[in-house]
Protein backbone atom coordinates (compact mmCIF):
# COMPACT_ATOMS: atom_id res chain seq x y z
CA MET A 1 77.22 217.60 94.43
CA SER A 2 76.21 217.50 98.10
CA ALA A 3 73.11 215.29 99.04
CA PRO A 4 70.90 217.80 99.58
CA GLU A 5 71.24 218.92 96.01
CA ARG A 6 71.11 215.29 94.81
CA THR A 7 67.79 215.28 96.46
CA LEU A 8 66.55 218.68 95.35
CA VAL A 9 67.49 217.77 91.68
CA SER A 10 65.78 214.17 92.11
CA SER A 11 62.64 216.03 93.33
CA GLN A 12 62.14 218.55 90.79
CA SER A 13 63.21 216.26 87.63
CA THR A 14 59.39 214.79 87.73
CA PHE A 15 58.96 215.54 84.33
CA THR A 16 59.05 212.49 81.67
CA ALA A 17 60.95 212.96 78.35
CA ASP A 18 57.35 212.79 76.65
CA GLN A 19 56.10 215.54 78.69
CA LEU A 20 59.32 217.78 78.08
CA ARG A 21 58.79 217.06 74.13
CA ARG A 22 55.34 217.86 74.35
CA ARG A 23 55.99 221.47 75.86
CA TYR A 24 58.83 222.03 73.63
CA ILE A 25 56.68 221.65 70.56
CA VAL A 26 53.96 223.96 72.36
CA ALA A 27 56.51 226.57 72.65
CA LEU A 28 58.40 226.21 69.62
CA SER A 29 54.92 226.57 67.80
CA LEU A 30 54.15 229.74 69.48
CA ILE A 31 57.43 231.45 68.95
CA ALA A 32 56.79 230.17 65.14
CA LEU A 33 53.62 231.64 65.46
CA LEU A 34 54.48 234.85 66.89
CA THR A 35 57.32 234.91 64.23
CA ILE A 36 55.07 234.51 61.33
CA PHE A 37 52.31 237.05 62.49
CA SER A 38 55.26 239.85 63.58
CA GLN A 39 56.57 239.31 59.64
CA VAL A 40 52.85 239.60 58.08
CA VAL A 41 52.15 242.54 60.06
CA VAL A 42 55.76 244.29 59.53
CA GLN A 43 55.38 243.35 55.72
CA SER A 44 51.61 244.61 55.99
CA LEU A 45 53.09 248.02 57.65
CA LEU A 46 55.58 248.30 54.89
CA SER A 47 53.41 247.77 52.15
CA ASP A 48 50.65 250.32 53.56
CA GLN A 49 53.64 252.95 54.21
CA GLU A 50 54.92 253.02 50.65
CA TYR A 51 51.19 253.21 49.15
CA ASP A 52 50.94 255.82 51.67
CA SER A 53 53.75 257.68 50.55
CA ARG A 54 52.75 256.91 46.72
CA VAL A 55 49.20 258.54 47.70
CA ILE A 56 50.51 261.66 49.40
CA ASN A 57 53.03 262.15 46.24
CA ILE A 58 50.07 261.85 43.84
CA ALA A 59 47.78 263.92 45.71
CA GLY A 60 50.38 266.61 46.28
CA ARG A 61 51.13 266.40 42.23
CA GLN A 62 47.35 266.85 41.83
CA ARG A 63 47.80 270.47 43.25
CA MET A 64 50.70 271.36 40.91
CA LEU A 65 48.85 269.60 37.73
CA SER A 66 45.89 271.88 38.46
CA GLN A 67 48.03 274.82 38.56
CA LYS A 68 49.92 273.59 35.06
CA ILE A 69 46.21 273.36 33.60
CA VAL A 70 45.57 277.10 34.63
CA LYS A 71 49.02 278.54 33.57
CA THR A 72 49.15 276.25 30.09
CA SER A 73 45.16 277.28 29.28
CA PHE A 74 46.33 280.88 29.48
CA TYR A 75 49.18 280.61 27.08
CA VAL A 76 46.99 278.58 24.56
CA ALA A 77 44.64 281.56 24.89
CA ASN A 78 47.23 284.29 24.52
CA ALA A 79 49.83 282.31 21.74
CA ASP A 80 51.28 284.85 19.51
CA SER A 81 51.01 282.39 16.56
CA PRO A 82 48.89 279.29 15.57
CA GLU A 83 52.04 277.26 15.71
CA SER A 84 52.76 278.07 19.24
CA ALA A 85 48.93 277.62 20.21
CA GLY A 86 49.16 274.07 18.89
CA ILE A 87 51.93 273.33 21.00
CA TYR A 88 50.23 274.68 24.36
CA ARG A 89 47.28 272.82 23.27
CA GLN A 90 49.31 269.41 23.28
CA GLN A 91 50.92 270.55 26.58
CA LEU A 92 47.70 271.05 28.15
CA ALA A 93 46.01 267.69 26.80
CA GLU A 94 48.94 265.83 28.20
CA ILE A 95 48.59 267.45 31.38
CA LEU A 96 44.88 267.00 31.74
CA THR A 97 45.31 263.25 31.00
CA LEU A 98 47.39 262.66 33.67
CA TRP A 99 45.62 264.94 36.19
CA GLU A 100 42.22 262.90 35.39
CA ARG A 101 44.04 259.72 35.52
CA SER A 102 45.63 260.56 38.97
CA HIS A 103 42.15 261.55 40.25
CA GLN A 104 40.49 258.49 39.40
CA GLY A 105 43.37 256.51 40.52
CA LEU A 106 43.12 258.18 44.02
CA LEU A 107 39.33 257.60 44.18
CA ARG A 108 39.46 253.80 43.08
CA GLY A 109 43.01 252.82 42.61
CA ASP A 110 45.54 252.35 40.13
CA ALA A 111 47.74 249.50 39.94
CA ASP A 112 50.08 251.16 37.12
CA LEU A 113 50.33 254.19 39.24
CA GLY A 114 50.89 252.45 42.59
CA LEU A 115 47.69 253.51 43.86
CA PRO A 116 45.29 251.48 46.27
CA GLY A 117 42.21 253.06 46.07
CA ARG A 118 41.63 252.54 49.68
CA ASN A 119 40.28 255.55 51.15
CA SER A 120 38.81 256.33 54.56
CA ASP A 121 35.54 257.78 54.80
CA ASP A 122 37.04 261.25 55.87
CA VAL A 123 38.89 261.35 52.20
CA THR A 124 36.26 260.03 50.41
CA SER A 125 33.94 263.01 51.59
CA LEU A 126 36.74 265.20 50.71
CA PHE A 127 36.98 264.12 47.59
CA LYS A 128 33.09 264.62 46.96
CA ARG A 129 33.78 268.19 47.93
CA ILE A 130 35.99 268.85 45.11
CA GLU A 131 34.40 266.66 42.78
CA ALA A 132 32.11 269.47 41.08
CA HIS A 133 35.45 271.91 40.82
CA HIS A 134 37.32 269.13 39.44
CA GLN A 135 34.73 268.52 36.87
CA ALA A 136 33.86 272.24 35.93
CA ILE A 137 38.03 272.65 35.11
CA VAL A 138 37.89 269.33 33.35
CA THR A 139 35.03 270.41 31.24
CA ALA A 140 36.22 273.91 30.36
CA THR A 141 39.79 272.79 29.52
CA LYS A 142 38.22 269.79 27.18
CA HIS A 143 36.19 273.18 25.49
CA LEU A 144 39.30 274.87 25.50
CA LEU A 145 41.20 272.24 23.60
CA ALA A 146 38.38 272.23 21.09
CA ALA A 147 38.15 275.63 20.21
CA SER A 148 40.15 276.37 17.23
CA GLU A 149 40.63 280.22 17.56
CA ARG A 150 40.47 282.97 20.46
CA GLY A 151 37.03 284.06 21.20
CA GLU A 152 34.71 284.79 23.97
CA SER A 153 33.99 281.55 24.84
CA ILE A 154 37.96 280.91 25.42
CA ASP A 155 37.84 283.85 27.77
CA LEU A 156 34.63 281.89 29.59
CA ASP A 157 36.82 278.53 29.90
CA ILE A 158 39.65 280.29 31.53
CA GLN A 159 37.50 282.06 33.72
CA GLN A 160 35.88 278.60 34.47
CA ILE A 161 39.06 277.08 34.88
CA ARG A 162 40.39 279.60 37.20
CA GLY A 163 37.25 280.10 39.46
CA ASN A 164 37.04 276.50 40.45
CA GLU A 165 41.28 276.15 40.84
CA ALA A 166 40.91 277.89 44.50
CA GLN A 167 38.60 275.53 45.73
CA TYR A 168 39.76 272.52 44.17
CA LEU A 169 43.64 273.38 45.38
CA GLN A 170 41.87 274.13 48.78
CA GLY A 171 39.86 270.66 48.71
CA MET A 172 43.43 268.82 47.60
CA ASN A 173 45.21 270.73 50.45
CA GLU A 174 42.59 269.06 52.94
CA ILE A 175 43.05 265.73 51.05
CA VAL A 176 46.71 266.07 51.34
CA PHE A 177 46.78 266.78 54.98
CA SER A 178 44.25 263.96 55.77
CA TYR A 179 46.44 261.54 53.90
CA ASP A 180 49.42 262.48 55.89
CA GLN A 181 47.74 262.55 59.42
CA GLU A 182 46.40 258.85 58.36
CA ALA A 183 49.54 257.88 57.57
CA LYS A 184 51.00 258.49 60.61
CA HIS A 185 48.56 257.19 62.55
CA LYS A 186 49.44 253.87 60.89
CA VAL A 187 52.95 254.43 61.69
CA ALA A 188 51.78 255.15 65.57
CA VAL A 189 49.73 252.04 65.46
CA ALA A 190 52.56 249.81 63.87
CA ARG A 191 55.10 251.06 66.66
CA TRP A 192 52.76 249.92 69.29
CA LEU A 193 51.86 246.79 67.63
CA GLU A 194 55.38 245.75 67.27
CA LEU A 195 56.04 246.85 71.07
CA GLY A 196 53.04 244.55 71.91
CA LEU A 197 54.57 241.87 69.73
CA MET A 198 57.66 242.06 71.35
CA ALA A 199 56.27 242.10 75.09
CA LEU A 200 54.21 239.14 73.72
CA THR A 201 57.41 237.20 72.40
CA LEU A 202 59.22 238.17 75.53
CA LEU A 203 56.32 236.78 77.91
CA VAL A 204 56.43 233.77 75.91
CA LEU A 205 60.44 233.50 76.56
CA ALA A 206 59.78 234.08 80.15
CA LEU A 207 57.08 231.32 80.16
CA GLU A 208 59.07 229.01 78.61
CA ALA A 209 62.01 229.58 80.52
CA ARG A 210 59.93 229.05 83.79
CA PHE A 211 58.15 226.03 82.42
CA ILE A 212 60.32 224.44 80.24
CA PHE A 213 63.85 225.49 80.16
CA ALA A 214 63.91 225.72 84.11
CA PRO A 215 62.62 221.91 84.22
CA VAL A 216 64.84 220.61 81.19
CA THR A 217 67.80 222.35 83.02
CA ARG A 218 66.85 220.15 86.23
CA ARG A 219 66.08 216.96 84.24
CA ILE A 220 69.59 217.39 82.72
CA ARG A 221 71.38 217.83 86.07
CA HIS A 222 69.13 215.00 87.10
CA ASP A 223 70.38 212.65 84.20
CA MET A 224 74.02 213.91 84.65
CA LEU A 225 73.79 212.63 88.04
CA VAL A 226 72.48 209.49 86.92
CA LEU A 227 74.97 209.01 84.73
CA GLU A 228 77.89 209.74 87.02
CA GLU A 229 76.11 207.31 89.56
CA LYS A 230 76.15 204.71 87.17
CA GLU A 231 80.11 205.24 85.95
CA GLU A 232 80.69 205.13 89.62
CA ASP A 233 78.83 201.95 90.04
CA MET A 234 80.45 200.37 87.00
CA SER A 235 83.81 201.35 88.54
CA HIS A 236 83.17 200.02 91.90
CA LEU A 237 81.61 196.56 90.25
CA PHE A 238 84.81 196.22 88.04
CA SER A 239 87.05 197.05 90.99
CA ALA A 240 85.17 194.57 93.50
CA SER A 241 84.51 191.79 90.81
CA PRO A 242 86.13 188.57 91.84
CA THR A 243 86.82 187.78 88.36
CA ALA A 244 88.48 189.55 85.50
CA MET A 245 86.52 192.10 84.04
CA LEU A 246 87.00 194.14 80.73
CA MET A 247 84.63 197.11 78.80
CA VAL A 248 85.21 196.34 75.30
CA ASP A 249 83.80 198.93 72.18
CA SER A 250 81.32 196.90 70.34
CA LYS A 251 82.42 198.34 66.78
CA ASN A 252 86.27 197.84 67.01
CA LEU A 253 86.75 195.73 69.85
CA ALA A 254 89.06 198.12 71.41
CA ILE A 255 89.32 197.56 75.40
CA MET A 256 87.92 200.78 77.10
CA GLU A 257 88.46 199.39 80.64
CA ALA A 258 89.69 196.51 82.79
CA ASN A 259 90.20 195.88 86.41
CA GLN A 260 93.26 194.63 88.21
CA LYS A 261 91.73 190.99 88.08
CA ALA A 262 92.08 191.10 84.07
CA ALA A 263 95.73 193.06 84.45
CA ASP A 264 96.84 189.94 86.69
CA LEU A 265 95.53 187.21 84.21
CA ILE A 266 96.95 189.04 81.09
CA GLY A 267 100.37 190.33 82.77
CA LEU A 268 99.76 193.91 81.90
CA PRO A 269 99.30 197.29 83.86
CA ILE A 270 95.74 198.34 83.72
CA GLU A 271 96.64 201.58 81.78
CA LYS A 272 98.32 199.67 79.00
CA ILE A 273 95.77 197.57 78.55
CA ALA A 274 93.42 200.05 77.66
CA GLY A 275 93.48 201.00 74.04
CA SER A 276 94.63 197.37 73.03
CA THR A 277 92.19 195.37 71.53
CA LEU A 278 90.31 192.11 72.24
CA ARG A 279 92.34 190.19 69.14
CA ASP A 280 95.48 191.03 70.94
CA TYR A 281 94.71 188.37 73.68
CA PHE A 282 92.37 185.68 72.04
CA ASP A 283 94.66 184.30 69.16
CA PRO A 284 92.64 183.43 65.84
CA ALA A 285 95.18 180.32 65.32
CA TYR A 286 92.93 178.75 68.17
CA ASP A 287 89.07 177.84 66.83
CA THR A 288 87.67 178.61 70.00
CA SER A 289 88.73 182.04 69.77
CA VAL A 290 87.88 182.33 66.08
CA LEU A 291 84.09 181.32 67.15
CA PHE A 292 84.50 183.22 70.02
CA LEU A 293 85.34 186.45 68.01
CA GLU A 294 82.48 185.73 65.50
CA SER A 295 79.76 185.63 68.14
CA LEU A 296 80.92 188.93 69.29
CA ALA A 297 80.69 190.31 65.70
CA LYS A 298 77.16 189.10 65.63
CA HIS A 299 76.47 190.90 69.15
CA ALA A 300 74.98 187.49 70.23
CA SER A 301 74.88 186.78 74.39
CA ILE A 302 78.01 184.50 75.55
CA ASN A 303 77.51 182.35 78.71
CA ASP A 304 80.51 180.85 80.01
CA ASN A 305 81.95 179.84 76.83
CA GLU A 306 85.54 177.96 77.21
CA VAL A 307 88.08 180.20 75.11
CA VAL A 308 91.87 180.42 74.89
CA LEU A 309 93.53 183.38 76.20
CA LEU A 310 96.99 184.46 75.68
CA ASP A 311 99.00 186.13 78.31
CA THR A 312 101.60 188.56 77.18
CA GLN A 313 104.36 185.44 77.34
CA HIS A 314 102.01 184.23 74.60
CA ALA A 315 101.36 181.56 77.38
CA VAL A 316 97.81 179.50 76.90
CA ILE A 317 95.34 180.11 79.72
CA ASN A 318 92.00 178.48 79.43
CA VAL A 319 89.49 180.54 80.54
CA LEU A 320 85.37 181.10 80.71
CA ALA A 321 84.18 183.71 79.07
CA SER A 322 80.48 185.72 79.45
CA VAL A 323 79.58 188.66 77.49
CA ARG A 324 76.56 191.04 77.92
CA GLU A 325 76.06 194.37 75.59
CA ILE A 326 75.18 197.48 77.37
CA THR A 327 74.87 200.92 76.41
CA PHE A 328 77.48 203.14 78.29
CA ASP A 329 78.28 206.68 78.03
CA GLY A 330 76.28 206.90 74.92
CA ARG A 331 77.65 203.98 73.15
CA GLU A 332 77.11 200.01 72.96
CA VAL A 333 79.60 198.07 74.73
CA PHE A 334 80.45 194.69 75.86
CA VAL A 335 81.36 193.77 79.24
CA LEU A 336 83.45 190.67 79.70
CA GLY A 337 83.71 188.52 82.34
CA ILE A 338 86.85 186.12 82.29
CA THR A 339 87.27 183.55 84.94
CA ASN A 340 90.74 181.66 84.85
CA ILE A 341 89.92 177.68 84.57
CA SER A 342 93.36 176.57 83.65
CA GLU A 343 94.23 174.92 87.35
CA LEU A 344 90.72 173.52 87.22
CA LYS A 345 91.08 171.94 83.67
CA ASP A 346 94.38 170.59 84.83
CA ALA A 347 92.70 169.05 88.09
CA GLN A 348 90.24 167.76 85.76
CA LEU A 349 92.44 165.95 83.61
CA THR A 350 94.64 164.72 86.86
CA LEU A 351 90.85 163.12 88.10
CA GLU A 352 90.27 161.96 84.55
CA HIS A 353 93.66 160.34 84.62
CA PHE A 354 93.07 158.72 88.00
CA ALA A 355 89.69 157.59 87.30
CA THR A 356 91.22 155.73 84.19
CA PHE A 357 94.47 154.48 85.07
CA ASP A 358 95.75 152.02 87.48
CA GLU A 359 98.35 154.46 89.69
CA MET A 360 100.61 151.85 90.41
CA THR A 361 100.90 149.77 86.78
CA GLY A 362 100.25 152.91 84.44
CA LEU A 363 97.50 150.46 83.18
CA VAL A 364 93.69 151.35 82.43
CA ASN A 365 91.63 150.31 85.61
CA ARG A 366 88.92 147.90 86.16
CA ARG A 367 86.22 150.29 85.05
CA ALA A 368 88.03 151.81 82.03
CA GLY A 369 88.92 148.14 81.01
CA LEU A 370 84.98 147.06 81.44
CA LEU A 371 84.15 150.28 79.02
CA VAL A 372 86.45 149.33 76.49
CA LEU A 373 85.47 145.63 76.55
CA GLU A 374 81.65 146.57 76.25
CA ASN A 375 82.65 148.85 72.93
CA SER A 376 84.63 146.47 71.79
CA MET A 377 81.89 143.70 72.03
CA ALA A 378 79.43 146.15 70.44
CA ARG A 379 81.86 146.83 67.10
CA SER A 380 82.61 143.16 66.92
CA ARG A 381 78.71 142.32 66.97
CA ARG A 382 78.17 145.06 64.54
CA ASP A 383 81.24 144.34 62.01
CA GLY A 384 81.27 140.67 62.56
CA ARG A 385 85.51 141.03 63.60
CA ASP A 386 87.15 138.64 65.85
CA LEU A 387 87.78 139.55 69.32
CA ALA A 388 89.62 137.71 71.74
CA ILE A 389 90.63 138.11 75.56
CA ALA A 390 92.81 136.57 78.04
CA PHE A 391 91.88 136.63 81.80
CA ALA A 392 95.51 136.36 83.42
CA ASP A 393 96.47 135.73 87.19
CA ILE A 394 100.40 136.73 88.67
CA ASP A 395 101.16 133.15 89.97
CA GLY A 396 102.15 133.18 93.78
CA LEU A 397 101.76 136.83 94.60
CA LYS A 398 100.05 136.19 98.18
CA ALA A 399 102.95 134.09 98.95
CA THR A 400 105.36 136.54 98.17
CA ASN A 401 103.69 139.30 99.88
CA ASP A 402 103.55 137.00 103.03
CA ARG A 403 107.17 135.51 102.71
CA PHE A 404 109.07 138.49 101.01
CA GLY A 405 106.96 141.81 102.21
CA HIS A 406 104.46 144.24 99.87
CA ALA A 407 107.47 146.12 98.55
CA ASP A 408 108.80 142.38 96.37
CA GLY A 409 104.90 142.20 95.69
CA ASP A 410 104.47 145.27 94.35
CA TRP A 411 107.62 144.89 92.31
CA LEU A 412 106.00 141.52 90.85
CA ILE A 413 103.01 143.59 89.84
CA ARG A 414 104.58 146.29 88.15
CA THR A 415 107.07 143.73 86.41
CA SER A 416 104.29 141.67 85.14
CA ALA A 417 101.97 144.75 83.75
CA LYS A 418 105.27 146.20 82.05
CA ALA A 419 105.41 142.52 80.25
CA PHE A 420 102.10 142.93 79.07
CA THR A 421 102.53 146.42 77.61
CA ASP A 422 105.83 144.99 75.88
CA SER A 423 104.56 142.15 74.53
CA ILE A 424 100.82 142.87 73.34
CA ARG A 425 100.07 145.00 69.89
CA ALA A 426 99.51 148.82 69.40
CA GLY A 427 95.70 148.26 69.47
CA ASP A 428 95.21 146.05 72.28
CA ILE A 429 94.62 146.63 75.70
CA ALA A 430 95.86 145.45 79.16
CA ALA A 431 93.39 146.68 82.16
CA ARG A 432 94.43 145.58 85.67
CA LEU A 433 91.30 144.39 87.35
CA GLY A 434 92.40 144.58 90.74
CA GLY A 435 94.94 142.48 92.90
CA ASP A 436 96.64 140.24 90.84
CA GLU A 437 93.89 140.00 88.11
CA PHE A 438 94.73 141.52 84.81
CA LEU A 439 92.68 141.54 81.26
CA LEU A 440 93.77 141.74 78.08
CA ILE A 441 91.73 142.23 75.32
CA PHE A 442 92.86 141.28 71.58
CA HIS A 443 91.26 143.39 68.86
CA ASP A 444 90.92 141.63 65.40
CA CYS A 445 92.43 138.64 66.91
CA SER A 446 91.38 134.61 66.72
CA MET A 447 92.17 132.39 69.16
CA GLU A 448 95.44 131.04 67.81
CA GLU A 449 96.71 134.52 67.33
CA ALA A 450 95.85 135.20 71.08
CA SER A 451 97.54 132.13 72.17
CA GLY A 452 100.92 133.29 70.40
CA LEU A 453 100.51 136.79 72.18
CA VAL A 454 100.16 135.14 75.75
CA ALA A 455 102.96 132.81 74.70
CA ARG A 456 105.23 135.98 74.23
CA ILE A 457 104.30 137.51 77.54
CA GLU A 458 104.99 133.90 79.56
CA LEU A 459 108.37 133.83 77.20
CA ARG A 460 109.14 137.82 78.33
CA LEU A 461 108.29 137.02 82.11
CA ALA A 462 110.83 133.80 81.95
CA GLU A 463 113.45 136.34 80.83
CA ILE A 464 113.07 138.18 83.63
CA GLY A 465 113.07 135.68 86.25
CA ASN A 466 116.22 134.31 84.86
CA ARG A 467 117.62 137.60 84.98
CA GLU A 468 116.74 139.18 88.13
CA ASN A 469 117.23 135.51 90.28
CA LYS A 470 114.09 136.22 92.47
CA PRO A 471 113.55 133.72 95.25
CA TYR A 472 109.86 133.60 94.08
CA PRO A 473 108.24 132.35 90.74
CA ILE A 474 107.62 134.98 88.04
CA GLY A 475 104.77 134.08 85.93
CA ILE A 476 101.09 133.86 84.96
CA SER A 477 98.31 131.68 84.82
CA TYR A 478 95.53 132.76 82.42
CA GLY A 479 92.59 131.46 80.49
CA LEU A 480 91.63 132.41 76.84
CA ALA A 481 88.16 133.02 75.46
CA THR A 482 86.70 134.43 71.88
CA PHE A 483 83.76 136.70 71.71
CA ASP A 484 80.58 134.68 70.39
CA PRO A 485 77.39 137.17 70.11
CA THR A 486 75.09 134.18 70.95
CA CYS A 487 76.95 133.38 74.33
CA HIS A 488 78.24 136.32 75.67
CA SER A 489 75.72 139.40 76.00
CA THR A 490 77.95 140.99 78.91
CA PRO A 491 81.39 141.63 79.74
CA ASP A 492 80.95 139.79 82.93
CA ASP A 493 79.79 136.88 80.65
CA LEU A 494 82.89 136.73 78.55
CA ILE A 495 85.01 137.22 81.42
CA ALA A 496 83.68 134.73 83.66
CA GLU A 497 84.34 132.02 80.23
CA ALA A 498 88.07 133.25 80.60
CA ASP A 499 88.33 132.86 84.31
CA ALA A 500 86.89 129.76 84.45
CA LEU A 501 89.31 128.46 81.78
CA MET A 502 92.42 130.12 84.05
CA TYR A 503 90.95 128.80 87.09
CA LYS A 504 91.41 125.10 85.17
CA VAL A 505 94.90 125.80 84.45
CA LYS A 506 95.85 126.81 88.01
CA GLN A 507 94.29 123.77 89.43
CA GLY A 508 96.20 121.63 86.95
CA ARG A 509 99.03 123.12 88.08
CA LYS A 510 98.69 122.53 91.67
CA ARG A 511 97.90 118.80 91.07
CA ARG A 512 100.91 118.31 88.99
CA THR A 513 102.87 120.39 92.00
């Protein structure tokens, strides 16, 4: 879609969802009302047409019945035997009964005969005009039926019946014609009414097309345009993101999309990543992966969680994962941002190593040694366990550096450190405080046991000296001290006591020398 089309669609898509919904309700209500009204009218017209047809048939039958009354009355009067006269009288009585009932049904209605009795003023007037002739025929026929033998009275009854028949037939002809005209008029009205309802329905549909369907079409086009733009933005975001990104179905954790950073991290082309699941790369053998997948199942928000990711070679990659749940293309999805921190973690471990251990000797450094001693003193104070330390100093290190060079001095430091680690116990700690000074921490150790351990170190150094035959002495001076909670508040207090004892030992050796 071009830019002008986008502007046009956007400018015409001003209806809100609530407005469109209200318009739809009004439109559907109008269509429903028109449909119901049309059906009511049509059913009413059909019913009237059925009644009209019935009325016309009954009215036409009345003329035929009146003629039968005249004919049958003549048969009664001229019967050749009493039996024949009786048969004709019975027929005449039945005809009269039906004729009278139909007459009353046409006037006032008869449900059994299907007559509504809803006559117009003109038809009612016509019935009034023939009422006297109808009654005269009924009276004469009943009198004829009551007479047992032919006589002058019977002839008078027949004359009266015949005398009123012509006027009755003429009146009924006018009534039938009037019924027929009214029925035709109703049909014509029904046709015009149906045409009017059809025109009104078409008008409503045209108005709906103008004021509802057209705005809805524009709104749909606008929403589709917005959706396309969002998809483009998402695609650009994925491709331009400096971190690996995955779009995942929230129901089954199937990967829907991935960017190139994610493909490089996992070691697969983008098209092969799509269709796989997160479980393929976050191994449940790792607790962090289990917790991560459980959090996703709970739709919890995840920020920079450290997780173990496995690439296609099953190599472990330490990553930070952040997850957000969004609606995309009509369904709920997870968007994962993944940052590779393996190199950072390795660097952190390296920094932690250098921050803890002495680079030359591999022993813990001063900071770590003092921290261990502080914790050991706290444990001894809490549990009442023995704790002893030795403050050691390498003999003649400065002179060795001055006379033979720093290479020999470094060798002397590393050799002494190796003797410490080889001679102390597994639970003990050897720390280099700096230069030629070392700290030995003996856990659960009495003064006597500590002396034996230091003596072992001295023996070890003496063996090295005899073996290496160096032109400088290989040995240490040390001071031993045991921890006393009443005297030693800090590590410095305990080290100061051992340092003072070491200094006395060193001064005594100098005097003897």
